[in-house]
C-alpha atoms as a PDB file:
ATOM      1  CA  UNK A   1      23.169  14.008 -13.901  1.00  0.00           C
ATOM      2  CA  UNK A   2      19.659  12.647 -14.322  1.00  0.00           C
ATOM      3  CA  UNK A   3      18.386  10.102 -11.834  1.00  0.00           C
ATOM      4  CA  UNK A   4      15.938   7.414 -12.712  1.00  0.00           C
ATOM      5  CA  UNK A   5      13.140   6.189 -10.438  1.00  0.00           C
ATOM      6  CA  UNK A   6      15.159   3.216  -9.205  1.00  0.00           C
ATOM      7  CA  UNK A   7      18.151   5.292  -8.116  1.00  0.00           C
ATOM      8  CA  UNK A   8      16.003   7.927  -6.482  1.00  0.00           C
ATOM      9  CA  UNK A   9      14.207   5.257  -4.450  1.00  0.00           C
ATOM     10  CA  UNK A  10      17.535   4.088  -3.054  1.00  0.00           C
ATOM     11  CA  UNK A  11      18.106   7.476  -1.459  1.00  0.00           C
ATOM     12  CA  UNK A  12      14.588   7.879  -0.007  1.00  0.00           C
ATOM     13  CA  UNK A  13      14.111   7.560   3.730  1.00  0.00           C
ATOM     14  CA  UNK A  14      12.132   4.602   5.018  1.00  0.00           C
ATOM     15  CA  UNK A  15       9.437   6.946   6.358  1.00  0.00           C
ATOM     16  CA  UNK A  16       9.010   8.574   2.952  1.00  0.00           C
ATOM     17  CA  UNK A  17       8.834   5.192   1.199  1.00  0.00           C
ATOM     18  CA  UNK A  18       6.253   4.047   3.726  1.00  0.00           C
ATOM     19  CA  UNK A  19       4.120   7.154   3.171  1.00  0.00           C
ATOM     20  CA  UNK A  20       4.287   6.739  -0.610  1.00  0.00           C
ATOM     21  CA  UNK A  21       3.220   3.090  -0.373  1.00  0.00           C
ATOM     22  CA  UNK A  22       0.329   4.008   1.918  1.00  0.00           C
ATOM     23  CA  UNK A  23      -0.783   6.699  -0.531  1.00  0.00           C
ATOM     24  CA  UNK A  24      -0.707   4.264  -3.471  1.00  0.00           C
ATOM     25  CA  UNK A  25      -2.605   1.628  -1.492  1.00  0.00           C
ATOM     26  CA  UNK A  26      -5.240   4.188  -0.447  1.00  0.00           C
ATOM     27  CA  UNK A  27      -5.753   5.225  -4.069  1.00  0.00           C
ATOM     28  CA  UNK A  28      -6.108   1.593  -5.162  1.00  0.00           C
ATOM     29  CA  UNK A  29      -8.572   0.822  -2.348  1.00  0.00           C
ATOM     30  CA  UNK A  30     -10.751   3.792  -3.305  1.00  0.00           C
ATOM     31  CA  UNK A  31     -11.299   2.234  -6.746  1.00  0.00           C
ATOM     32  CA  UNK A  32     -12.108  -1.318  -5.573  1.00  0.00           C
ATOM     33  CA  UNK A  33     -15.531  -2.872  -5.755  1.00  0.00           C
ATOM     34  CA  UNK A  34     -17.263  -4.102  -2.602  1.00  0.00           C
ATOM     35  CA  UNK A  35     -16.380  -7.714  -3.352  1.00  0.00           C
ATOM     36  CA  UNK A  36     -12.724  -6.797  -3.880  1.00  0.00           C
ATOM     37  CA  UNK A  37     -12.700  -4.877  -0.590  1.00  0.00           C
ATOM     38  CA  UNK A  38     -14.268  -7.852   1.186  1.00  0.00           C
ATOM     39  CA  UNK A  39     -11.559 -10.132  -0.226  1.00  0.00           C
ATOM     40  CA  UNK A  40      -8.803  -7.781   0.927  1.00  0.00           C
ATOM     41  CA  UNK A  41     -10.463  -7.455   4.338  1.00  0.00           C
ATOM     42  CA  UNK A  42     -10.678 -11.237   4.722  1.00  0.00           C
ATOM     43  CA  UNK A  43      -7.036 -11.633   3.711  1.00  0.00           C
ATOM     44  CA  UNK A  44      -5.916  -9.001   6.231  1.00  0.00           C
ATOM     45  CA  UNK A  45      -8.060 -10.645   8.929  1.00  0.00           C
ATOM     46  CA  UNK A  46      -6.642 -14.129   8.327  1.00  0.00           C
ATOM     47  CA  UNK A  47      -3.111 -12.725   8.484  1.00  0.00           C
ATOM     48  CA  UNK A  48      -3.818 -10.944  11.770  1.00  0.00           C
ATOM     49  CA  UNK A  49      -3.601  -7.363  10.503  1.00  0.00           C
ATOM     50  CA  UNK A  50      -7.173  -6.530  11.537  1.00  0.00           C
ATOM     51  CA  UNK A  51      -9.076  -7.779  14.584  1.00  0.00           C
ATOM     52  CA  UNK A  52     -12.522  -8.556  13.199  1.00  0.00           C
ATOM     53  CA  UNK A  53     -14.524  -8.410   9.993  1.00  0.00           C
END
């Protein structure tokens, strides 16, 4: 029986899902411009995810 991406995600462990999300975010960040990175950094700072800019 073939599984689609949705069904396979349901059986993934939380740790694996977390690692996959981190990998996708890292790849996206690598392709951002400086101004895009600054915007993301500011957003993370205002939400308390990073200490200082």
